[in-house]
Every structure is written in structure tokens, then in C-alpha cells.
Amino acid sequence: MTLMLLALWAVTHRYHGLSRDGSLYAVQALSRIEPALRADLYLQNTSQDQFTIFSPIYAEFIRLFGLQTGELLLFGICQVGFLVAIGMAARQLPEPETALLSVGLFIITVGYYGAYKIFAYSENYLSARSLGEAMVAAAVAIHLRGWRWQGLLLALLALFIHPLMALPGVLLLICLDLPVLLATLLMVTAVFASFAVASLAIQFPITDHFFSVMDPRWLEVVRQRSQFLFLQYWNRGDWEMAARPVIGLFLSLRVLQAAPARKLCVAAMLIGASGLAIAAIAGDIGPVAILLQGQAWRWMWVTTYISVLLVVPTAAALVREERGGPLAAVLLVAAWVLPAVDSLVLAGPAVVLWLNRRSITPSAAVYLRWAAGAGLLLVTGWIIAKSWTYLHGPLPESVRESTTVARLREIFGLVIPAAACAAIAWNWMTRSRSLFSTAAVTLCSLGVCYAFLPGSLQQPDRNGTPAQIAEFADWRLAIPPESTVLILPPPKSAAFIWFTLGRPSYLSVDQSSGVVFSPATSEEIRRRSTVLLPVAKPDWQILTELMESSSHNGNDGKLPAVLTAQKLSTICRDSKLGFVIAKENVGFDPLRHAHGGVFKDWNLYDCDHVRATPSTT
């Protein structure tokens, strides 16, 4: 069964490596080995690295195994720990014999929380969240086994890994130990305390403390760069995503009879609702720096986690209710595994069916069972149609694996085919309990792992690999360790500069992710983007880009600015800009990259040399 779960993960996941926040946590760890990276703008001032002990742990893995291997090993430990904790917790809930299905459901679903689908638990790259989530999940499992103080201690330790992710876990365990009325009073008090802090901070401004109100310039950059922090910018899809776990928990509360499961539902809903209330206060009143930085909307990850944990026990209980139960079970599961369908359209009717089950007549119950079967047939038809399209359409990616495996991965990426195969195998093994069924499923799982797992774990890019570092040895030799580097046009990620060149980046979108923690970083991001106006528009104005895109004005037809000698001279006037990498050759004796690959024939400009050379235009 463990092999079957590994095969299920292999066909539904791809490791993203040094992408998104994965690169940020990697540079935080690497800066402890290569001190020159501490000069990077992202790490110069207050950053999230100052609130976690994850970076030293990560750095030790890098020292022992190298960047790529160390990252992958630590990622694997976090993933395995998270899934094992799910299995432990599921065995303490109703229907413990379905614990394996609960683990499988976590593998095939994406646990989005927050806005714009930026964050999800158990992400496919390594961050401090990966370890923090695994520790909180383990703490919940330990608590459900009856070891309450040990679970709370583990959750408290998780605060040192990622305080924003661990805090809702700590609150959940506290609420589970309190009577429901007292737990409700506790969370209501937390909301009112946040409101009082925000109100007092406005009335009595404190400029040199965490409770200070953000000044307009700082707030503008934070709003533009991290609009997801403000609930007023969440769209309809974001609120649907927030409502789905709450509806699921409400249904579980009404269906499940075991007291621990019911209390878990109430506590998880309290945590999520309180987090959203505090986040609304943080974004609308002041905003007060510490409240906005606390990002209480992240508490929804625990609400979502508990909701998914209870889906399988709830569905099993629903199936036993003949009057609309099977259809409600299908709708509940579909709300989590059919991302293409509005989850409220699916989860809402499931609740309505259960609440009105006593008014359903025996004849109506038959029709509802037929409706459940018809729904399954519709989904099957949709899967067949999509699979046919994938088999005969263009292949989106074939670099990591063979064409056959890549096409099968697309089909399994629809989630339901992979889930159906795993459910059938699980049912066959648990019912027959024969050596033949066990051997057959084991061999099939081994075959799937052999075919899919290498492509699932393969690094998607070469940044930081020994081969790429050696390829760019001439550029590394030409650039002093603490000199900043800029690529034109500016990329979203600074991974190439950080991990291949081993140098600080001048400016990229990822580097501005920490503006909420530091007004100094915010001001420097604004200044550097102004320096680059001749060659690029400010990349931190994401909110404006989203609004322009929604109004169909985002694509103005303008091509990226072409670098000229005059533009290079203009941006190089900034003494903090050390080197520029660009495709255009505009003079100033650049160091050209002669090797193949993405940067073939690109040029490295030394800004000291540019500043010392009189402009000819």
C-alpha cells in the first residue's frame, strides 16, 4: 500500500525545485555558506529569514549533499512526514480502515488557501512551510492519539520553523482542549484584541515599533506587490476556495457522530473564521504593520487541512444513508477532486441533501441514487474526452521523460483516473486479502514508480548545478562576489544569478516579496525600479497589472525595451548596479557567452567600465 501511494504521488506530482518561494528559501540557506549573498537586497533588511531556524537546517543539507541533492532530500523528508502524519491522524477518526484513502486524497488534491492560488499546503517545492506543515500535521495526529501535551509541544516547536503556519496549529490544539464555548470565547477575544490594537495604533501613532501604522509610500508598494494580503482584493474564486472547507466541515459536523471528530470540525472552523476576521482588520484599519505581517488569513490552511482529512470518513458515512447519501458523498468528493467545476455548486447541494434527508421518500431516494450514478457517468465521459484530446494533441513537456509517459501523466493529471486506479487497487486488496492481489498491486506500483518517479523528481532547470556553474566560470571570475547583477529584461526569479553565478541580484520580482516586513526594502525596491525605467517598467506593480489584465488593457502590444548604449549608460549610473547581462551588444567591450543554451551569445557588461567610458550618443 505504501508503494501504491508512492505511485499515486509519482503520476500526479512534479517536483518544481528552485522555483517560486523555493528559490527564496534556498538563497537564505545558501547565504550562510556563501556570505557574499547576504549583500542581496532580499536579505539586507528585515526578512522572513530572521523568524525561522529552517535556514540553518537547510544549509547543513546543502553542505553535506550539495544544493540540488540536499534540497531534494529535505523536500522528501517533509513530504513523507506530512503524509505519515495524515495516516496517523486518519486512524484516530471514524472509519479508520479508510485511512489509506485519506492519504491518497491528500496526494491528489491541491490544498489552496488564501488568494490567487499562490499558496497551498504540501507544495511541490521546498520551503519552511513544508517542514512547518509536517510538524503541525504530526502534532494534530499525536493529539488525536491522546498525547495532548506532546502534540502541543511539537506544535510550539514548529513556531521556530514557520511561525505564521504553526500559530493556527497551536491555536487548534488549544481549542481542542477547551470546551467549545470557551474556545469560541477565546477566538472572539483574539479578534477584538486585534481590532483594539489597530484602533489604538491609529489614535496613538508609534513610529519606531511593530505597532506602527504603515506610511503611504510603504503601503503603496506592499499593496501593489502583495495584493493577496488584503482581503478587499480577493476575487470571487478566492472566496469560493475559502468557503469550500467551511462547507465541508459543516457537513462533517452534521454527519459524523464521534465527539472528537465533531469537536475537530468546530475548532477548525473557529480558527479559519477568526483568521479571516483578523486579516480583514489588518488590511482595513491602519494598516498596522505587525497585524498585516501576521497574515492571519493563512490560518485557513489548517481549516482546509482538517476539512480534507474528514472527507473520506464523511463520505463513508454518507453512503450508508440511503436517502440521498450516495449522491451527497459523490458531490462532496467531487468538490475536492474536480477543480474545473465550481466547488460551491457541488458541496452546497451535498449539505442540502443531508439536511433534508428525512423528507426524501423511498422512491425519491432511488432517483437520487440514479442521479449519483449518472454523475459518475458524466465525469467518466468528460475524462474520456479529455484523455482523447491529450493523446492526440500537442505535448506540453517531453524533456523529462518519454512521450508515452508524458501523455499518460497528462491523463493522470486529471486526478480522477489516478484516484480511481488507486481506489480499485485498495478495494481489491482489502477485500480479497490474498497473496495474488497483493503481489499484483505491488508489481504494478513498482512499474509505475519506475516509469514516472524519475520524471517527477527531476530538477526542472539547471540553475546551480556543477555543470552550469562550470559553464559560466568566466562570468563568475569577472564578477566580484558582492557585486550585484541584473538580467535584461528583468526576470521574475533571480535563481540563475543566485545559484549559478553565486552573486547578489540587483532586482527581480521575487526579491520584492519581503516588502511587507521592511520599509527600507520597500523604498529600495522603488528606487531601483525607477533607475530601470529606461529598460523596464516597475515589476512590483502586480496589482496594477492584474487590474489592467481584467479590463483587457494588460496587453498593450509593446515589445520589451531594446537595450542601447545610452540606456546602459543611464542605468549604470547607479553605483549599486555592478553588472548587466543582456542579449544586445551595444559596445563597452562586453564578455560574450560563447557556449550553447539560453544565454548563447549574451553579453556581460561591467558597469564600472561603462561609467568610465564616455557616451558616444
Foldseek 3Di string as FASTA:
>chain_A
DVLLLVLLLLLAFFAAECDDCLVVLLLLLVCVVVVLQCLFLLNVDDFCSVQAPVSVVLNVLCVVPNSQVSFLVVLVVLLVLQLVLLLLQLCLAPPNVCSVLLSSLVSLFWAAFFAPSPDTASDSGDDLSSNLNSQLSNLNSCVSVPNLVVSLVSLVVSSNSPVLQSVLSNLLSVLLVDPVVVSLVVLVVVLVVLLVLLVVCVVPADDPDQQHFDDPLLVVLCCQQPVSLEPVPGDPLNVLSLVLLLLLLVLLLVQDDDPSLNSSSSSLVSQQVSLVSLSNSCRPRRNRLNSSVSSSSSSSNSSSSSSSSCLVVSLVSLVVQLQLSPQLNLLSSCLRLQPVDRSCVRSVVSSVSVVCSVVRDPVNSVVSVVVSVVVVVVVVVVLVVVLVCLVPDDQPDPPLAHPVSSSSSVSCNSVVVSSVVSVVLSVVCVVPVDPVSVVVSSVVSVVSCVHRVSSSSDHPDCQQPPVLLVLCVVVLVVDPANAEEAEPVGEQDCRNCCRNSVYHHQDHSSSSPGSSRDVVSSVSLVVLQVQLVQFDHRPSSNVVLVVCVVVVNNCVPDDGHDDELVSLLSSLVPVRHFKYKYQDPHDLDWDARCDDDPRHRITIHGSVSSPVDDDPD
